[in-house]
Amino acid sequence: RHHRTGKDSYHKLGARRFAEAHNLDIAAIVRRLSAKPVIRVESGAFIGYLNDEQFVLATVQDGLARAVKKMMSVSREDRLTQSIAS
C-alpha cells in the first residue's frame, strides 16, 4: 500500500514528499543497505568492519571461513534491523 496504491504511497507523492511524510532519510537508508563489510587480520584475529562498527569474528586459528560466515551473519542482521527500523 505505501509503495504504490495508498494516498501516502511513493508513486502518488514522489520521492521527496514520500520521505517527508514517512520521516525517512532515503539517502542514508540506501548508503547503509549498500555498505560493504571489510575483514582485516589484527593481532591474531579476524576483525570485521561494517558501518563504522567493529566486530571480532574469529581467531586466525579458527580460520577465514568461520570469520566470513560470521561477517555474513552480522551483515544480514544489520540489514534486517535497518529494514525493520524503516
N, C-alpha and C. Protein backbone atom coordinates (compact mmCIF):
# COMPACT_ATOMS: atom_id res chain seq x y z
N ARG A 1 0.81 -1.19 0.00
CA ARG A 1 0.00 0.00 0.00
C ARG A 1 0.87 1.26 0.00
N HIS A 2 1.90 1.31 0.88
CA HIS A 2 2.73 2.51 0.94
C HIS A 2 3.55 2.72 -0.33
N HIS A 3 3.83 1.65 -1.02
CA HIS A 3 4.68 1.78 -2.20
C HIS A 3 3.93 2.27 -3.43
N ARG A 4 2.72 1.74 -3.68
CA ARG A 4 2.08 2.04 -4.97
C ARG A 4 0.69 2.63 -4.91
N THR A 5 -0.17 2.15 -4.04
CA THR A 5 -1.59 2.47 -4.19
C THR A 5 -2.18 3.41 -3.17
N GLY A 6 -1.59 3.53 -2.00
CA GLY A 6 -2.16 4.36 -0.94
C GLY A 6 -2.01 5.85 -1.22
N LYS A 7 -2.80 6.65 -0.51
CA LYS A 7 -2.73 8.10 -0.68
C LYS A 7 -1.36 8.65 -0.29
N ASP A 8 -0.68 7.95 0.61
CA ASP A 8 0.65 8.37 1.04
C ASP A 8 1.75 7.51 0.40
N SER A 9 1.44 6.91 -0.75
CA SER A 9 2.40 5.99 -1.39
C SER A 9 3.51 6.75 -2.11
N TYR A 10 4.58 6.06 -2.33
CA TYR A 10 5.73 6.61 -3.04
C TYR A 10 5.33 7.11 -4.42
N HIS A 11 4.53 6.31 -5.14
CA HIS A 11 4.17 6.68 -6.51
C HIS A 11 3.15 7.81 -6.57
N LYS A 12 2.39 8.03 -5.54
CA LYS A 12 1.44 9.16 -5.50
C LYS A 12 2.14 10.45 -5.10
N LEU A 13 3.06 10.35 -4.13
CA LEU A 13 3.68 11.56 -3.57
C LEU A 13 4.99 11.96 -4.25
N GLY A 14 5.71 10.99 -4.80
CA GLY A 14 7.05 11.27 -5.30
C GLY A 14 8.06 11.08 -4.17
N ALA A 15 9.32 10.97 -4.53
CA ALA A 15 10.37 10.62 -3.56
C ALA A 15 10.48 11.60 -2.41
N ARG A 16 10.56 12.89 -2.71
CA ARG A 16 10.78 13.89 -1.65
C ARG A 16 9.61 13.94 -0.68
N ARG A 17 8.40 14.05 -1.18
CA ARG A 17 7.23 14.15 -0.30
C ARG A 17 6.98 12.85 0.46
N PHE A 18 7.25 11.70 -0.18
CA PHE A 18 7.12 10.42 0.50
C PHE A 18 8.07 10.35 1.70
N ALA A 19 9.33 10.75 1.47
CA ALA A 19 10.33 10.73 2.54
C ALA A 19 9.90 11.66 3.68
N GLU A 20 9.39 12.81 3.35
CA GLU A 20 8.93 13.75 4.38
C GLU A 20 7.73 13.19 5.14
N ALA A 21 6.77 12.62 4.41
CA ALA A 21 5.55 12.09 5.04
C ALA A 21 5.85 10.95 6.00
N HIS A 22 6.86 10.16 5.69
CA HIS A 22 7.19 8.98 6.50
C HIS A 22 8.44 9.18 7.34
N ASN A 23 8.94 10.43 7.36
CA ASN A 23 10.12 10.78 8.16
C ASN A 23 11.30 9.85 7.86
N LEU A 24 11.65 9.74 6.58
CA LEU A 24 12.72 8.86 6.13
C LEU A 24 13.87 9.66 5.55
N ASP A 25 15.08 9.21 5.80
CA ASP A 25 16.26 9.74 5.13
C ASP A 25 16.66 8.67 4.11
N ILE A 26 16.08 8.76 2.93
CA ILE A 26 16.26 7.72 1.91
C ILE A 26 17.73 7.56 1.53
N ALA A 27 18.46 8.66 1.40
CA ALA A 27 19.88 8.56 1.06
C ALA A 27 20.66 7.78 2.12
N ALA A 28 20.36 8.01 3.38
CA ALA A 28 21.04 7.29 4.47
C ALA A 28 20.67 5.80 4.44
N ILE A 29 19.42 5.51 4.15
CA ILE A 29 18.99 4.11 4.08
C ILE A 29 19.71 3.40 2.94
N VAL A 30 19.81 4.03 1.79
CA VAL A 30 20.50 3.43 0.64
C VAL A 30 21.98 3.24 0.96
N ARG A 31 22.61 4.24 1.60
CA ARG A 31 24.03 4.09 1.97
C ARG A 31 24.22 2.90 2.90
N ARG A 32 23.36 2.77 3.89
CA ARG A 32 23.51 1.68 4.86
C ARG A 32 23.28 0.32 4.20
N LEU A 33 22.27 0.22 3.36
CA LEU A 33 22.00 -1.06 2.69
C LEU A 33 23.06 -1.41 1.65
N SER A 34 23.77 -0.41 1.15
CA SER A 34 24.81 -0.63 0.15
C SER A 34 26.20 -0.82 0.76
N ALA A 35 26.31 -0.64 2.06
CA ALA A 35 27.61 -0.73 2.73
C ALA A 35 28.21 -2.12 2.56
N LYS A 36 29.49 -2.14 2.31
CA LYS A 36 30.21 -3.40 2.12
C LYS A 36 31.03 -3.70 3.36
N PRO A 37 30.90 -4.90 3.90
CA PRO A 37 31.71 -5.26 5.07
C PRO A 37 33.17 -5.49 4.66
N VAL A 38 34.07 -5.25 5.60
CA VAL A 38 35.50 -5.45 5.40
C VAL A 38 36.00 -6.33 6.53
N ILE A 39 36.89 -7.27 6.19
CA ILE A 39 37.51 -8.13 7.20
C ILE A 39 39.02 -7.92 7.14
N ARG A 40 39.61 -7.68 8.31
CA ARG A 40 41.06 -7.50 8.41
C ARG A 40 41.61 -8.44 9.48
N VAL A 41 42.89 -8.76 9.35
CA VAL A 41 43.58 -9.53 10.39
C VAL A 41 44.30 -8.53 11.28
N GLU A 42 43.99 -8.58 12.57
CA GLU A 42 44.62 -7.68 13.55
C GLU A 42 44.92 -8.48 14.81
N SER A 43 46.16 -8.48 15.21
CA SER A 43 46.59 -9.14 16.45
C SER A 43 46.10 -10.58 16.56
N GLY A 44 46.22 -11.34 15.48
CA GLY A 44 45.86 -12.75 15.51
C GLY A 44 44.38 -13.04 15.43
N ALA A 45 43.58 -12.04 15.08
CA ALA A 45 42.14 -12.25 14.98
C ALA A 45 41.60 -11.62 13.70
N PHE A 46 40.52 -12.17 13.20
CA PHE A 46 39.81 -11.56 12.08
C PHE A 46 38.82 -10.55 12.66
N ILE A 47 38.93 -9.31 12.23
CA ILE A 47 38.08 -8.23 12.70
C ILE A 47 37.25 -7.74 11.52
N GLY A 48 35.94 -7.65 11.72
CA GLY A 48 35.05 -7.18 10.68
C GLY A 48 34.63 -5.74 10.94
N TYR A 49 34.46 -4.98 9.88
CA TYR A 49 34.02 -3.59 9.96
C TYR A 49 32.80 -3.42 9.06
N LEU A 50 31.78 -2.79 9.62
CA LEU A 50 30.57 -2.50 8.85
C LEU A 50 29.92 -1.27 9.45
N ASN A 51 29.69 -0.26 8.63
CA ASN A 51 29.02 0.97 9.07
C ASN A 51 29.65 1.55 10.33
N ASP A 52 30.96 1.70 10.31
CA ASP A 52 31.70 2.29 11.44
C ASP A 52 31.61 1.47 12.72
N GLU A 53 31.23 0.22 12.63
CA GLU A 53 31.22 -0.67 13.79
C GLU A 53 32.27 -1.74 13.58
N GLN A 54 32.81 -2.24 14.67
CA GLN A 54 33.86 -3.26 14.64
C GLN A 54 33.34 -4.53 15.30
N PHE A 55 33.66 -5.69 14.70
CA PHE A 55 33.21 -6.98 15.21
C PHE A 55 34.37 -7.95 15.24
N VAL A 56 34.61 -8.59 16.38
CA VAL A 56 35.61 -9.66 16.45
C VAL A 56 34.93 -10.91 15.91
N LEU A 57 35.46 -11.45 14.82
CA LEU A 57 34.80 -12.54 14.11
C LEU A 57 35.33 -13.92 14.49
N ALA A 58 36.64 -14.05 14.56
CA ALA A 58 37.26 -15.35 14.86
C ALA A 58 38.75 -15.14 15.03
N THR A 59 39.40 -16.12 15.62
CA THR A 59 40.87 -16.07 15.68
C THR A 59 41.40 -16.57 14.34
N VAL A 60 42.66 -16.28 14.10
CA VAL A 60 43.29 -16.76 12.87
C VAL A 60 43.29 -18.29 12.86
N GLN A 61 43.46 -18.90 14.04
CA GLN A 61 43.45 -20.36 14.14
C GLN A 61 42.08 -20.94 13.77
N ASP A 62 41.01 -20.20 14.06
CA ASP A 62 39.66 -20.67 13.71
C ASP A 62 39.45 -20.71 12.19
N GLY A 63 40.18 -19.87 11.48
CA GLY A 63 40.12 -19.88 10.03
C GLY A 63 39.25 -18.78 9.42
N LEU A 64 39.60 -18.47 8.19
CA LEU A 64 38.90 -17.42 7.45
C LEU A 64 37.45 -17.78 7.16
N ALA A 65 37.18 -19.04 6.87
CA ALA A 65 35.80 -19.45 6.55
C ALA A 65 34.85 -19.12 7.70
N ARG A 66 35.28 -19.37 8.91
CA ARG A 66 34.45 -19.07 10.08
C ARG A 66 34.23 -17.55 10.21
N ALA A 67 35.28 -16.78 9.97
CA ALA A 67 35.18 -15.32 10.05
C ALA A 67 34.21 -14.78 8.99
N VAL A 68 34.32 -15.30 7.79
CA VAL A 68 33.43 -14.85 6.70
C VAL A 68 31.99 -15.21 7.02
N LYS A 69 31.77 -16.42 7.51
CA LYS A 69 30.41 -16.84 7.86
C LYS A 69 29.81 -15.92 8.92
N LYS A 70 30.60 -15.58 9.94
CA LYS A 70 30.10 -14.69 10.98
C LYS A 70 29.86 -13.28 10.43
N MET A 71 30.75 -12.79 9.55
CA MET A 71 30.56 -11.46 8.97
C MET A 71 29.30 -11.42 8.12
N MET A 72 29.03 -12.49 7.40
CA MET A 72 27.79 -12.56 6.61
C MET A 72 26.57 -12.49 7.52
N SER A 73 26.64 -13.14 8.66
CA SER A 73 25.55 -13.11 9.62
C SER A 73 25.35 -11.71 10.20
N VAL A 74 26.45 -11.06 10.55
CA VAL A 74 26.40 -9.69 11.09
C VAL A 74 25.80 -8.75 10.05
N SER A 75 26.24 -8.87 8.82
CA SER A 75 25.76 -8.02 7.73
C SER A 75 24.27 -8.23 7.48
N ARG A 76 23.85 -9.48 7.47
CA ARG A 76 22.43 -9.82 7.25
C ARG A 76 21.57 -9.26 8.39
N GLU A 77 22.04 -9.41 9.62
CA GLU A 77 21.31 -8.89 10.78
C GLU A 77 21.21 -7.36 10.73
N ASP A 78 22.30 -6.71 10.31
CA ASP A 78 22.30 -5.26 10.21
C ASP A 78 21.27 -4.79 9.18
N ARG A 79 21.22 -5.45 8.05
CA ARG A 79 20.25 -5.08 7.00
C ARG A 79 18.81 -5.33 7.47
N LEU A 80 18.60 -6.43 8.16
CA LEU A 80 17.26 -6.74 8.69
C LEU A 80 16.84 -5.69 9.71
N THR A 81 17.76 -5.35 10.62
CA THR A 81 17.47 -4.33 11.62
C THR A 81 17.15 -3.00 10.96
N GLN A 82 17.91 -2.65 9.94
CA GLN A 82 17.69 -1.38 9.24
C GLN A 82 16.34 -1.38 8.53
N SER A 83 15.96 -2.49 7.90
CA SER A 83 14.69 -2.52 7.18
C SER A 83 13.50 -2.47 8.14
N ILE A 84 13.64 -3.07 9.33
CA ILE A 84 12.58 -3.01 10.33
C ILE A 84 12.44 -1.60 10.88
N ALA A 85 13.58 -0.92 11.10
CA ALA A 85 13.56 0.43 11.64
C ALA A 85 12.94 1.42 10.65
N SER A 86 13.03 1.11 9.37
CA SER A 86 12.46 2.00 8.36
C SER A 86 11.00 1.76 8.27
